[in-house]
């Protein structure tokens, strides 16, 4: 089977290549409908990401619901793939934070 021949596949490829990936994080975090009181946010990024500037990611810390912005040293655009040994413990800490309700 050729997945590119599947009905709708060309739409997905075009969407990926045209980068219409939806709202930016800044748009989501500033949206009045975003549940800032009940939805804590931790942001992570790789400091070697060639596409997303670190300054832009760090600026997300200005939003009240963003509790942490964590840069992974010498990691690129996909920290969860490149450095799961760094990401997974942080993810577990975040889940514990959510479960306990404390900051």
C-alpha atoms as a PDB file:
ATOM      1  CA  UNK A   1       0.000   0.000   0.000  1.00  0.00           C
ATOM      2  CA  UNK A   2       1.223   3.492  -0.837  1.00  0.00           C
ATOM      3  CA  UNK A   3       0.168   5.906   1.879  1.00  0.00           C
ATOM      4  CA  UNK A   4       0.689   8.903  -0.422  1.00  0.00           C
ATOM      5  CA  UNK A   5      -2.052   7.530  -2.658  1.00  0.00           C
ATOM      6  CA  UNK A   6      -4.552   7.416   0.211  1.00  0.00           C
ATOM      7  CA  UNK A   7      -7.401   9.902  -0.215  1.00  0.00           C
ATOM      8  CA  UNK A   8      -6.540  13.078   1.697  1.00  0.00           C
ATOM      9  CA  UNK A   9      -2.801  12.317   1.871  1.00  0.00           C
ATOM     10  CA  UNK A  10      -1.957  15.221  -0.435  1.00  0.00           C
ATOM     11  CA  UNK A  11      -3.778  17.602   1.928  1.00  0.00           C
ATOM     12  CA  UNK A  12      -1.652  16.413   4.844  1.00  0.00           C
ATOM     13  CA  UNK A  13       1.592  16.730   2.875  1.00  0.00           C
ATOM     14  CA  UNK A  14       0.644  20.234   1.704  1.00  0.00           C
ATOM     15  CA  UNK A  15      -0.308  21.266   5.248  1.00  0.00           C
ATOM     16  CA  UNK A  16       3.024  19.997   6.574  1.00  0.00           C
ATOM     17  CA  UNK A  17       5.058  21.719   3.882  1.00  0.00           C
ATOM     18  CA  UNK A  18       3.152  24.995   4.122  1.00  0.00           C
ATOM     19  CA  UNK A  19       3.487  25.039   7.929  1.00  0.00           C
ATOM     20  CA  UNK A  20      -0.098  25.880   8.742  1.00  0.00           C
ATOM     21  CA  UNK A  21       0.314  24.116  12.058  1.00  0.00           C
ATOM     22  CA  UNK A  22      -2.309  26.126  13.894  1.00  0.00           C
ATOM     23  CA  UNK A  23      -2.003  28.919  16.413  1.00  0.00           C
ATOM     24  CA  UNK A  24       1.342  29.955  17.843  1.00  0.00           C
ATOM     25  CA  UNK A  25       1.993  29.378  21.558  1.00  0.00           C
ATOM     26  CA  UNK A  26       1.756  33.140  22.149  1.00  0.00           C
ATOM     27  CA  UNK A  27      -1.698  33.150  20.591  1.00  0.00           C
ATOM     28  CA  UNK A  28      -2.864  30.216  22.666  1.00  0.00           C
ATOM     29  CA  UNK A  29      -1.502  31.555  25.968  1.00  0.00           C
ATOM     30  CA  UNK A  30      -3.002  35.013  25.420  1.00  0.00           C
ATOM     31  CA  UNK A  31      -6.390  33.728  24.268  1.00  0.00           C
ATOM     32  CA  UNK A  32      -9.064  34.786  26.812  1.00  0.00           C
ATOM     33  CA  UNK A  33     -10.538  31.291  26.493  1.00  0.00           C
ATOM     34  CA  UNK A  34      -7.303  29.673  27.740  1.00  0.00           C
ATOM     35  CA  UNK A  35      -7.872  28.364  31.293  1.00  0.00           C
ATOM     36  CA  UNK A  36      -4.920  30.179  32.891  1.00  0.00           C
ATOM     37  CA  UNK A  37      -6.054  29.477  36.461  1.00  0.00           C
ATOM     38  CA  UNK A  38      -6.503  25.743  36.026  1.00  0.00           C
ATOM     39  CA  UNK A  39      -3.929  24.887  33.372  1.00  0.00           C
ATOM     40  CA  UNK A  40      -0.280  25.194  34.438  1.00  0.00           C
ATOM     41  CA  UNK A  41       2.240  25.205  31.604  1.00  0.00           C
ATOM     42  CA  UNK A  42       5.846  24.100  31.511  1.00  0.00           C
ATOM     43  CA  UNK A  43       7.735  24.929  28.307  1.00  0.00           C
ATOM     44  CA  UNK A  44      10.853  23.119  27.125  1.00  0.00           C
ATOM     45  CA  UNK A  45      13.161  23.596  24.184  1.00  0.00           C
ATOM     46  CA  UNK A  46      16.567  22.617  22.900  1.00  0.00           C
ATOM     47  CA  UNK A  47      19.107  25.430  22.957  1.00  0.00           C
ATOM     48  CA  UNK A  48      20.464  24.196  19.607  1.00  0.00           C
ATOM     49  CA  UNK A  49      17.069  24.312  17.886  1.00  0.00           C
ATOM     50  CA  UNK A  50      17.729  25.784  14.424  1.00  0.00           C
ATOM     51  CA  UNK A  51      14.114  26.871  13.868  1.00  0.00           C
ATOM     52  CA  UNK A  52      12.814  28.222  17.160  1.00  0.00           C
ATOM     53  CA  UNK A  53      14.894  31.025  18.701  1.00  0.00           C
ATOM     54  CA  UNK A  54      15.559  30.572  22.410  1.00  0.00           C
ATOM     55  CA  UNK A  55      14.665  34.196  23.148  1.00  0.00           C
ATOM     56  CA  UNK A  56      11.211  33.630  21.710  1.00  0.00           C
ATOM     57  CA  UNK A  57      10.698  30.524  23.843  1.00  0.00           C
ATOM     58  CA  UNK A  58      12.015  32.234  26.984  1.00  0.00           C
ATOM     59  CA  UNK A  59       9.556  35.099  26.376  1.00  0.00           C
ATOM     60  CA  UNK A  60       6.693  32.637  26.964  1.00  0.00           C
ATOM     61  CA  UNK A  61       7.593  32.876  30.645  1.00  0.00           C
ATOM     62  CA  UNK A  62       5.781  36.226  30.793  1.00  0.00           C
ATOM     63  CA  UNK A  63       2.403  34.491  30.690  1.00  0.00           C
ATOM     64  CA  UNK A  64       0.994  33.899  34.188  1.00  0.00           C
ATOM     65  CA  UNK A  65       0.201  30.224  33.594  1.00  0.00           C
ATOM     66  CA  UNK A  66       3.761  29.434  32.471  1.00  0.00           C
ATOM     67  CA  UNK A  67       5.481  28.136  35.580  1.00  0.00           C
ATOM     68  CA  UNK A  68       8.751  27.013  33.998  1.00  0.00           C
ATOM     69  CA  UNK A  69      10.739  27.470  30.823  1.00  0.00           C
ATOM     70  CA  UNK A  70      13.482  24.864  30.581  1.00  0.00           C
ATOM     71  CA  UNK A  71      16.275  24.895  28.003  1.00  0.00           C
ATOM     72  CA  UNK A  72      18.011  21.606  27.301  1.00  0.00           C
ATOM     73  CA  UNK A  73      21.701  22.214  26.627  1.00  0.00           C
ATOM     74  CA  UNK A  74      23.087  20.948  23.318  1.00  0.00           C
ATOM     75  CA  UNK A  75      19.686  19.636  22.197  1.00  0.00           C
ATOM     76  CA  UNK A  76      17.921  20.556  18.968  1.00  0.00           C
ATOM     77  CA  UNK A  77      14.326  20.890  17.800  1.00  0.00           C
ATOM     78  CA  UNK A  78      12.964  17.591  19.169  1.00  0.00           C
ATOM     79  CA  UNK A  79      14.178  17.185  22.760  1.00  0.00           C
ATOM     80  CA  UNK A  80      11.786  14.311  23.407  1.00  0.00           C
ATOM     81  CA  UNK A  81      13.492  12.340  20.609  1.00  0.00           C
ATOM     82  CA  UNK A  82      17.047  13.600  21.035  1.00  0.00           C
ATOM     83  CA  UNK A  83      17.321  13.558  24.819  1.00  0.00           C
ATOM     84  CA  UNK A  84      14.554  11.514  26.436  1.00  0.00           C
ATOM     85  CA  UNK A  85      16.822  11.041  29.451  1.00  0.00           C
ATOM     86  CA  UNK A  86      16.407  14.792  30.105  1.00  0.00           C
ATOM     87  CA  UNK A  87      12.797  15.197  29.022  1.00  0.00           C
ATOM     88  CA  UNK A  88      11.222  12.188  30.713  1.00  0.00           C
ATOM     89  CA  UNK A  89      12.190  13.084  34.314  1.00  0.00           C
ATOM     90  CA  UNK A  90      10.872  16.614  33.760  1.00  0.00           C
ATOM     91  CA  UNK A  91       7.657  15.226  32.316  1.00  0.00           C
ATOM     92  CA  UNK A  92       7.249  12.965  35.353  1.00  0.00           C
ATOM     93  CA  UNK A  93       7.847  15.964  37.654  1.00  0.00           C
ATOM     94  CA  UNK A  94       5.184  17.902  35.768  1.00  0.00           C
ATOM     95  CA  UNK A  95       2.694  15.056  36.132  1.00  0.00           C
ATOM     96  CA  UNK A  96       3.438  14.868  39.867  1.00  0.00           C
ATOM     97  CA  UNK A  97       2.911  18.639  40.090  1.00  0.00           C
ATOM     98  CA  UNK A  98      -0.460  18.289  38.354  1.00  0.00           C
ATOM     99  CA  UNK A  99      -1.475  15.392  40.558  1.00  0.00           C
ATOM    100  CA  UNK A 100      -0.523  17.187  43.782  1.00  0.00           C
ATOM    101  CA  UNK A 101      -1.893  20.584  42.754  1.00  0.00           C
ATOM    102  CA  UNK A 102       1.164  22.363  44.164  1.00  0.00           C
ATOM    103  CA  UNK A 103       3.678  24.484  42.270  1.00  0.00           C
END
